[in-house]
N, C-alpha and C. Protein backbone atom coordinates (compact mmCIF):
# COMPACT_ATOMS: atom_id res chain seq x y z
N MET A 1 0.85 -1.18 0.00
CA MET A 1 0.00 0.00 0.00
C MET A 1 0.89 1.24 0.00
N LYS A 2 0.42 2.26 -0.70
CA LYS A 2 1.12 3.54 -0.73
C LYS A 2 0.17 4.58 -0.15
N ILE A 3 0.60 5.24 0.91
CA ILE A 3 -0.22 6.24 1.58
C ILE A 3 0.30 7.61 1.18
N VAL A 4 -0.61 8.46 0.69
CA VAL A 4 -0.24 9.79 0.24
C VAL A 4 -0.98 10.82 1.09
N TYR A 5 -0.26 11.47 1.98
CA TYR A 5 -0.83 12.57 2.76
C TYR A 5 -0.70 13.83 1.91
N HIS A 6 -1.81 14.52 1.69
CA HIS A 6 -1.74 15.69 0.82
C HIS A 6 -2.36 16.92 1.47
N CYS A 7 -1.81 18.07 1.07
CA CYS A 7 -2.31 19.36 1.52
C CYS A 7 -1.97 20.40 0.45
N TYR A 8 -2.21 21.64 0.75
CA TYR A 8 -2.04 22.70 -0.24
C TYR A 8 -0.63 22.69 -0.84
N GLY A 9 0.38 22.82 0.00
CA GLY A 9 1.74 22.92 -0.52
C GLY A 9 2.64 21.73 -0.26
N GLY A 10 2.16 20.76 0.51
CA GLY A 10 2.98 19.59 0.81
C GLY A 10 4.17 19.91 1.70
N ALA A 11 4.05 20.98 2.49
CA ALA A 11 5.19 21.41 3.28
C ALA A 11 4.97 21.38 4.79
N HIS A 12 3.71 21.31 5.23
CA HIS A 12 3.46 21.43 6.67
C HIS A 12 2.55 20.34 7.20
N ALA A 13 1.25 20.42 6.92
CA ALA A 13 0.31 19.44 7.47
C ALA A 13 0.62 18.03 6.97
N SER A 14 0.83 17.89 5.67
CA SER A 14 1.08 16.54 5.12
C SER A 14 2.42 15.98 5.58
N THR A 15 3.45 16.82 5.66
CA THR A 15 4.74 16.32 6.12
C THR A 15 4.69 15.91 7.59
N THR A 16 3.92 16.67 8.38
CA THR A 16 3.78 16.33 9.80
C THR A 16 2.99 15.03 9.95
N ALA A 17 1.92 14.86 9.17
CA ALA A 17 1.15 13.61 9.22
C ALA A 17 2.04 12.43 8.83
N ALA A 18 2.83 12.59 7.79
CA ALA A 18 3.74 11.51 7.37
C ALA A 18 4.74 11.19 8.48
N ALA A 19 5.25 12.22 9.15
CA ALA A 19 6.21 12.00 10.24
C ALA A 19 5.56 11.29 11.42
N ILE A 20 4.31 11.62 11.72
CA ILE A 20 3.58 10.91 12.78
C ILE A 20 3.42 9.45 12.38
N HIS A 21 2.98 9.22 11.14
CA HIS A 21 2.76 7.87 10.62
C HIS A 21 4.03 7.03 10.74
N LEU A 22 5.15 7.62 10.40
CA LEU A 22 6.42 6.88 10.38
C LEU A 22 7.12 6.84 11.74
N GLY A 23 6.55 7.49 12.74
CA GLY A 23 7.16 7.49 14.07
C GLY A 23 8.37 8.41 14.19
N ILE A 24 8.51 9.34 13.27
CA ILE A 24 9.63 10.29 13.33
C ILE A 24 9.43 11.26 14.49
N ILE A 25 8.18 11.62 14.74
CA ILE A 25 7.86 12.42 15.92
C ILE A 25 6.79 11.67 16.70
N PRO A 26 6.81 11.79 18.02
CA PRO A 26 5.85 11.04 18.84
C PRO A 26 4.43 11.59 18.69
N LYS A 27 3.47 10.68 18.79
CA LYS A 27 2.07 11.11 18.67
C LYS A 27 1.38 11.22 20.02
N ASP A 28 2.10 10.91 21.09
CA ASP A 28 1.49 10.90 22.42
C ASP A 28 1.70 12.19 23.20
N ARG A 29 2.32 13.18 22.57
CA ARG A 29 2.50 14.49 23.22
C ARG A 29 2.61 15.55 22.13
N LEU A 30 2.36 16.79 22.51
CA LEU A 30 2.54 17.88 21.56
C LEU A 30 4.03 18.03 21.26
N PRO A 31 4.38 18.21 20.01
CA PRO A 31 5.80 18.35 19.66
C PRO A 31 6.34 19.71 20.10
N HIS A 32 7.64 19.75 20.30
CA HIS A 32 8.34 21.00 20.57
C HIS A 32 8.78 21.58 19.22
N PHE A 33 9.12 22.84 19.21
CA PHE A 33 9.59 23.46 17.97
C PHE A 33 10.77 22.68 17.39
N SER A 34 11.66 22.19 18.25
CA SER A 34 12.84 21.46 17.77
C SER A 34 12.48 20.14 17.10
N ASP A 35 11.34 19.55 17.46
CA ASP A 35 10.92 18.29 16.84
C ASP A 35 10.69 18.46 15.34
N PHE A 36 10.28 19.64 14.92
CA PHE A 36 9.97 19.86 13.51
C PHE A 36 11.21 19.86 12.63
N GLN A 37 12.37 20.05 13.23
CA GLN A 37 13.62 19.99 12.46
C GLN A 37 13.90 18.58 11.97
N ARG A 38 13.32 17.59 12.63
CA ARG A 38 13.53 16.18 12.24
C ARG A 38 12.56 15.73 11.15
N ILE A 39 11.56 16.54 10.84
CA ILE A 39 10.55 16.13 9.87
C ILE A 39 11.07 16.39 8.46
N PRO A 40 11.22 15.34 7.66
CA PRO A 40 11.67 15.53 6.28
C PRO A 40 10.71 16.46 5.52
N TYR A 41 11.27 17.41 4.83
CA TYR A 41 10.56 18.34 3.96
C TYR A 41 9.71 19.38 4.69
N PHE A 42 9.68 19.38 6.03
CA PHE A 42 8.85 20.36 6.73
C PHE A 42 9.32 21.77 6.41
N ASP A 43 8.43 22.58 5.87
CA ASP A 43 8.68 23.96 5.47
C ASP A 43 9.85 24.08 4.49
N ARG A 44 10.01 23.06 3.66
CA ARG A 44 11.09 23.08 2.68
C ARG A 44 10.61 22.79 1.26
N THR A 45 9.39 22.35 1.12
CA THR A 45 8.85 22.05 -0.21
C THR A 45 8.65 23.35 -0.98
N THR A 46 8.98 23.33 -2.26
CA THR A 46 8.82 24.52 -3.10
C THR A 46 7.69 24.30 -4.10
N SER A 47 7.25 25.38 -4.72
CA SER A 47 6.12 25.29 -5.66
C SER A 47 6.45 24.39 -6.85
N ILE A 48 7.71 24.26 -7.22
CA ILE A 48 8.09 23.40 -8.33
C ILE A 48 7.80 21.93 -8.01
N GLN A 49 7.67 21.60 -6.72
CA GLN A 49 7.40 20.22 -6.30
C GLN A 49 5.90 19.93 -6.18
N HIS A 50 5.06 20.95 -6.34
CA HIS A 50 3.62 20.70 -6.26
C HIS A 50 3.20 19.74 -7.37
N GLY A 51 2.34 18.80 -7.02
CA GLY A 51 1.89 17.80 -7.98
C GLY A 51 2.80 16.58 -8.06
N LYS A 52 3.88 16.59 -7.31
CA LYS A 52 4.84 15.48 -7.34
C LYS A 52 4.72 14.67 -6.05
N LEU A 53 4.66 13.34 -6.20
CA LEU A 53 4.66 12.47 -5.03
C LEU A 53 6.08 12.43 -4.47
N ILE A 54 6.22 12.79 -3.21
CA ILE A 54 7.53 12.81 -2.57
C ILE A 54 7.55 11.73 -1.49
N LYS A 55 8.41 10.74 -1.66
CA LYS A 55 8.47 9.65 -0.69
C LYS A 55 9.19 10.11 0.57
N VAL A 56 8.54 9.85 1.71
CA VAL A 56 9.12 10.21 3.00
C VAL A 56 9.76 8.99 3.66
N GLY A 57 9.18 7.80 3.41
CA GLY A 57 9.75 6.59 3.99
C GLY A 57 8.80 5.42 3.92
N ASP A 58 9.21 4.31 4.54
CA ASP A 58 8.40 3.10 4.63
C ASP A 58 8.04 2.87 6.09
N ASP A 59 6.77 2.50 6.34
CA ASP A 59 6.38 2.25 7.73
C ASP A 59 6.75 0.83 8.14
N ALA A 60 6.45 0.48 9.38
CA ALA A 60 6.83 -0.83 9.93
C ALA A 60 6.19 -1.99 9.19
N ASP A 61 5.07 -1.75 8.51
CA ASP A 61 4.38 -2.81 7.77
C ASP A 61 4.77 -2.84 6.29
N GLY A 62 5.73 -2.02 5.90
CA GLY A 62 6.18 -2.01 4.51
C GLY A 62 5.39 -1.09 3.60
N ASN A 63 4.48 -0.32 4.15
CA ASN A 63 3.74 0.66 3.35
C ASN A 63 4.64 1.85 3.04
N GLU A 64 4.57 2.31 1.81
CA GLU A 64 5.33 3.50 1.43
C GLU A 64 4.50 4.73 1.79
N VAL A 65 5.15 5.73 2.35
CA VAL A 65 4.47 6.95 2.79
C VAL A 65 5.00 8.13 1.98
N PHE A 66 4.07 8.87 1.37
CA PHE A 66 4.40 10.00 0.51
C PHE A 66 3.69 11.26 1.01
N VAL A 67 4.18 12.41 0.54
CA VAL A 67 3.46 13.67 0.71
C VAL A 67 3.23 14.24 -0.68
N LEU A 68 2.21 15.08 -0.77
CA LEU A 68 1.84 15.68 -2.05
C LEU A 68 1.29 17.07 -1.80
N GLY A 69 1.89 18.04 -2.47
CA GLY A 69 1.33 19.39 -2.51
C GLY A 69 0.47 19.48 -3.75
N ARG A 70 -0.82 19.83 -3.56
CA ARG A 70 -1.72 19.82 -4.73
C ARG A 70 -2.52 21.11 -4.88
N ARG A 71 -2.03 22.17 -4.23
CA ARG A 71 -2.63 23.51 -4.32
C ARG A 71 -4.13 23.44 -4.03
N ASN A 72 -4.92 24.16 -4.80
CA ASN A 72 -6.38 24.18 -4.58
C ASN A 72 -7.11 23.17 -5.46
N SER A 73 -6.40 22.21 -6.00
CA SER A 73 -7.00 21.28 -6.96
C SER A 73 -6.87 19.82 -6.53
N PRO A 74 -7.36 19.45 -5.36
CA PRO A 74 -7.16 18.06 -4.93
C PRO A 74 -7.80 17.05 -5.87
N ARG A 75 -9.04 17.30 -6.28
CA ARG A 75 -9.71 16.32 -7.15
C ARG A 75 -8.98 16.15 -8.48
N LEU A 76 -8.60 17.26 -9.07
CA LEU A 76 -7.92 17.21 -10.36
C LEU A 76 -6.58 16.47 -10.25
N VAL A 77 -5.78 16.83 -9.28
CA VAL A 77 -4.45 16.22 -9.15
C VAL A 77 -4.57 14.73 -8.84
N ILE A 78 -5.45 14.37 -7.90
CA ILE A 78 -5.61 12.96 -7.55
C ILE A 78 -6.18 12.17 -8.73
N HIS A 79 -7.12 12.78 -9.46
CA HIS A 79 -7.67 12.12 -10.65
C HIS A 79 -6.58 11.88 -11.69
N LEU A 80 -5.75 12.87 -11.93
CA LEU A 80 -4.65 12.71 -12.90
C LEU A 80 -3.69 11.60 -12.47
N ILE A 81 -3.37 11.57 -11.19
CA ILE A 81 -2.46 10.54 -10.69
C ILE A 81 -3.08 9.15 -10.86
N THR A 82 -4.34 9.00 -10.49
CA THR A 82 -4.97 7.68 -10.60
C THR A 82 -5.12 7.25 -12.06
N GLU A 83 -5.42 8.18 -12.95
CA GLU A 83 -5.50 7.84 -14.38
C GLU A 83 -4.13 7.44 -14.91
N PHE A 84 -3.10 8.14 -14.50
CA PHE A 84 -1.74 7.79 -14.91
C PHE A 84 -1.37 6.40 -14.40
N LEU A 85 -1.76 6.09 -13.17
CA LEU A 85 -1.50 4.75 -12.63
C LEU A 85 -2.17 3.68 -13.48
N ARG A 86 -3.44 3.90 -13.81
CA ARG A 86 -4.18 2.94 -14.66
C ARG A 86 -3.47 2.74 -16.00
N LEU A 87 -3.10 3.86 -16.62
CA LEU A 87 -2.44 3.79 -17.93
C LEU A 87 -1.12 3.02 -17.87
N ASN A 88 -0.50 3.02 -16.71
CA ASN A 88 0.78 2.34 -16.55
C ASN A 88 0.65 0.97 -15.90
N GLY A 89 -0.59 0.46 -15.85
CA GLY A 89 -0.80 -0.90 -15.36
C GLY A 89 -0.80 -1.05 -13.85
N GLU A 90 -0.80 0.05 -13.11
CA GLU A 90 -0.86 -0.04 -11.65
C GLU A 90 -2.31 0.07 -11.20
N ASP A 91 -2.60 -0.52 -10.06
CA ASP A 91 -3.94 -0.46 -9.50
C ASP A 91 -4.05 0.75 -8.58
N PRO A 92 -4.90 1.73 -8.92
CA PRO A 92 -5.07 2.90 -8.06
C PRO A 92 -5.54 2.55 -6.64
N LYS A 93 -6.12 1.36 -6.47
CA LYS A 93 -6.56 0.94 -5.14
C LYS A 93 -5.38 0.65 -4.21
N ASP A 94 -4.18 0.57 -4.79
CA ASP A 94 -2.98 0.39 -3.97
C ASP A 94 -2.52 1.71 -3.33
N TYR A 95 -3.21 2.79 -3.67
CA TYR A 95 -2.88 4.12 -3.16
C TYR A 95 -4.02 4.62 -2.28
N LEU A 96 -3.67 5.16 -1.13
CA LEU A 96 -4.65 5.76 -0.24
C LEU A 96 -4.29 7.24 -0.11
N PHE A 97 -5.18 8.10 -0.60
CA PHE A 97 -4.96 9.55 -0.55
C PHE A 97 -5.66 10.10 0.69
N VAL A 98 -4.91 10.79 1.53
CA VAL A 98 -5.42 11.28 2.81
C VAL A 98 -5.25 12.80 2.87
N SER A 99 -6.37 13.51 2.91
CA SER A 99 -6.34 14.97 2.97
C SER A 99 -6.00 15.45 4.37
N CYS A 100 -5.12 16.43 4.42
CA CYS A 100 -4.74 17.04 5.70
C CYS A 100 -5.13 18.52 5.74
N VAL A 101 -5.96 18.95 4.82
CA VAL A 101 -6.27 20.37 4.69
C VAL A 101 -7.30 20.87 5.68
N GLN A 102 -8.23 20.04 6.09
CA GLN A 102 -9.35 20.50 6.90
C GLN A 102 -8.94 21.12 8.23
N LEU A 103 -7.71 20.98 8.63
CA LEU A 103 -7.29 21.46 9.94
C LEU A 103 -6.43 22.71 9.88
N PHE A 104 -6.33 23.34 8.73
CA PHE A 104 -5.52 24.56 8.65
C PHE A 104 -6.08 25.62 9.59
N ASN A 105 -5.20 26.42 10.16
CA ASN A 105 -5.60 27.53 11.00
C ASN A 105 -4.87 28.78 10.50
N PRO A 106 -5.23 29.96 10.98
CA PRO A 106 -4.60 31.19 10.45
C PRO A 106 -3.08 31.21 10.59
N PHE A 107 -2.55 30.60 11.63
CA PHE A 107 -1.09 30.58 11.80
C PHE A 107 -0.43 29.73 10.72
N MET A 108 -1.06 28.62 10.38
CA MET A 108 -0.50 27.76 9.32
C MET A 108 -0.57 28.46 7.97
N VAL A 109 -1.70 29.08 7.69
CA VAL A 109 -1.88 29.74 6.39
C VAL A 109 -0.93 30.92 6.25
N THR A 110 -0.93 31.81 7.23
CA THR A 110 -0.09 33.01 7.17
C THR A 110 1.39 32.65 7.24
N GLY A 111 1.74 31.76 8.16
CA GLY A 111 3.14 31.36 8.28
C GLY A 111 3.64 30.61 7.07
N GLY A 112 2.81 29.70 6.55
CA GLY A 112 3.19 28.95 5.36
C GLY A 112 3.38 29.84 4.16
N PHE A 113 2.46 30.79 3.97
CA PHE A 113 2.57 31.73 2.86
C PHE A 113 3.82 32.59 3.01
N SER A 114 4.04 33.09 4.22
CA SER A 114 5.21 33.94 4.46
C SER A 114 6.51 33.20 4.18
N SER A 115 6.60 31.97 4.66
CA SER A 115 7.83 31.20 4.51
C SER A 115 8.02 30.68 3.10
N ARG A 116 7.00 30.02 2.54
CA ARG A 116 7.17 29.35 1.26
C ARG A 116 6.98 30.29 0.07
N ALA A 117 5.91 31.08 0.05
CA ALA A 117 5.64 31.92 -1.12
C ALA A 117 6.47 33.20 -1.13
N MET A 118 6.62 33.82 0.05
CA MET A 118 7.33 35.09 0.11
C MET A 118 8.82 34.93 0.41
N GLY A 119 9.21 33.75 0.90
CA GLY A 119 10.61 33.53 1.23
C GLY A 119 11.04 34.14 2.55
N TRP A 120 10.07 34.54 3.37
CA TRP A 120 10.36 35.14 4.68
C TRP A 120 10.41 34.03 5.73
N VAL A 121 11.39 33.17 5.62
CA VAL A 121 11.48 31.98 6.46
C VAL A 121 11.61 32.34 7.94
N LYS A 122 12.40 33.36 8.27
CA LYS A 122 12.60 33.71 9.69
C LYS A 122 11.31 34.15 10.36
N ILE A 123 10.39 34.70 9.61
CA ILE A 123 9.09 35.11 10.15
C ILE A 123 8.09 33.97 10.02
N GLY A 124 8.03 33.38 8.85
CA GLY A 124 7.00 32.39 8.55
C GLY A 124 7.17 31.04 9.23
N ARG A 125 8.40 30.54 9.30
CA ARG A 125 8.60 29.20 9.86
C ARG A 125 8.17 29.09 11.33
N PRO A 126 8.54 30.02 12.20
CA PRO A 126 8.04 29.91 13.58
C PRO A 126 6.51 29.99 13.66
N MET A 127 5.92 30.83 12.80
CA MET A 127 4.47 30.98 12.81
C MET A 127 3.78 29.70 12.33
N VAL A 128 4.25 29.12 11.23
CA VAL A 128 3.62 27.90 10.71
C VAL A 128 3.88 26.72 11.65
N THR A 129 5.03 26.72 12.30
CA THR A 129 5.31 25.66 13.28
C THR A 129 4.35 25.76 14.45
N PHE A 130 4.12 26.96 14.96
CA PHE A 130 3.16 27.17 16.04
C PHE A 130 1.76 26.70 15.60
N GLY A 131 1.36 27.07 14.39
CA GLY A 131 0.06 26.64 13.87
C GLY A 131 -0.04 25.13 13.74
N THR A 132 1.05 24.50 13.35
CA THR A 132 1.05 23.04 13.21
C THR A 132 0.95 22.37 14.58
N ILE A 133 1.58 22.97 15.59
CA ILE A 133 1.44 22.44 16.95
C ILE A 133 -0.02 22.52 17.40
N ILE A 134 -0.68 23.62 17.09
CA ILE A 134 -2.11 23.77 17.43
C ILE A 134 -2.93 22.67 16.76
N SER A 135 -2.62 22.37 15.51
CA SER A 135 -3.37 21.37 14.75
C SER A 135 -2.91 19.94 14.99
N PHE A 136 -1.85 19.77 15.76
CA PHE A 136 -1.25 18.45 15.94
C PHE A 136 -2.23 17.37 16.40
N PRO A 137 -3.09 17.63 17.40
CA PRO A 137 -4.04 16.57 17.80
C PRO A 137 -4.94 16.11 16.65
N PHE A 138 -5.32 17.03 15.78
CA PHE A 138 -6.14 16.66 14.62
C PHE A 138 -5.34 15.80 13.64
N LEU A 139 -4.07 16.14 13.46
CA LEU A 139 -3.21 15.34 12.58
C LEU A 139 -3.04 13.93 13.13
N VAL A 140 -2.87 13.82 14.44
CA VAL A 140 -2.76 12.49 15.06
C VAL A 140 -4.02 11.69 14.80
N THR A 141 -5.18 12.33 14.91
CA THR A 141 -6.46 11.65 14.63
C THR A 141 -6.52 11.18 13.19
N ILE A 142 -6.10 12.02 12.26
CA ILE A 142 -6.10 11.64 10.84
C ILE A 142 -5.19 10.43 10.61
N VAL A 143 -4.02 10.43 11.21
CA VAL A 143 -3.08 9.32 11.03
C VAL A 143 -3.64 8.05 11.67
N ARG A 144 -4.21 8.15 12.85
CA ARG A 144 -4.80 6.97 13.51
C ARG A 144 -5.91 6.37 12.65
N ARG A 145 -6.77 7.22 12.11
CA ARG A 145 -7.85 6.73 11.23
C ARG A 145 -7.28 6.07 9.98
N THR A 146 -6.22 6.65 9.45
CA THR A 146 -5.57 6.07 8.27
C THR A 146 -5.01 4.69 8.59
N LEU A 147 -4.32 4.57 9.71
CA LEU A 147 -3.76 3.27 10.11
C LEU A 147 -4.86 2.25 10.37
N GLN A 148 -5.97 2.68 10.96
CA GLN A 148 -7.10 1.77 11.18
C GLN A 148 -7.70 1.31 9.85
N SER A 149 -7.81 2.22 8.90
CA SER A 149 -8.34 1.88 7.58
C SER A 149 -7.44 0.86 6.88
N ILE A 150 -6.14 1.06 6.97
CA ILE A 150 -5.20 0.12 6.36
C ILE A 150 -5.32 -1.25 7.02
N ALA A 151 -5.43 -1.27 8.34
CA ALA A 151 -5.56 -2.54 9.07
C ALA A 151 -6.84 -3.27 8.68
N ARG A 152 -7.94 -2.52 8.53
CA ARG A 152 -9.22 -3.14 8.11
C ARG A 152 -9.09 -3.74 6.72
N ASP A 153 -8.48 -2.98 5.81
CA ASP A 153 -8.30 -3.48 4.43
C ASP A 153 -7.43 -4.72 4.40
N ARG A 154 -6.43 -4.75 5.26
CA ARG A 154 -5.51 -5.89 5.30
C ARG A 154 -6.20 -7.15 5.82
N SER A 155 -7.16 -6.98 6.72
CA SER A 155 -7.83 -8.13 7.33
C SER A 155 -8.94 -8.71 6.45
N LYS A 156 -9.25 -8.05 5.35
CA LYS A 156 -10.30 -8.56 4.44
C LYS A 156 -9.81 -9.73 3.63
């Protein structure tokens, strides 16, 4: 199975969800600012990478975990990816697309825009990190539901 956590830019919510999934950061407590330095691609994805599946790692069960920045076009991007998979003989059912957008807050939006779009990393990164900490419990819930869904599918 390939799990794709996706959000607007693939730089904050999705990378944090992937890190939770892979055990890079603990899910049983709120992370510290320093924990985000260990998250691959956190606040480092650029607009040129939008629409590209970026592999973060493999989980304990051998599932590949990816992040995807898909701007404001989740349906279009996911549809294109699944059609491309079909055309290349892959089964789109081997991919689980998990949205991380519903939990954005003003700190994530403003900080993410400042850091990624404007290049004001010194201002934006602390702000988006703070916003991600606020949203962290929701991200943990998304990852837990994803892992439960995978386990259910595996037991069928």
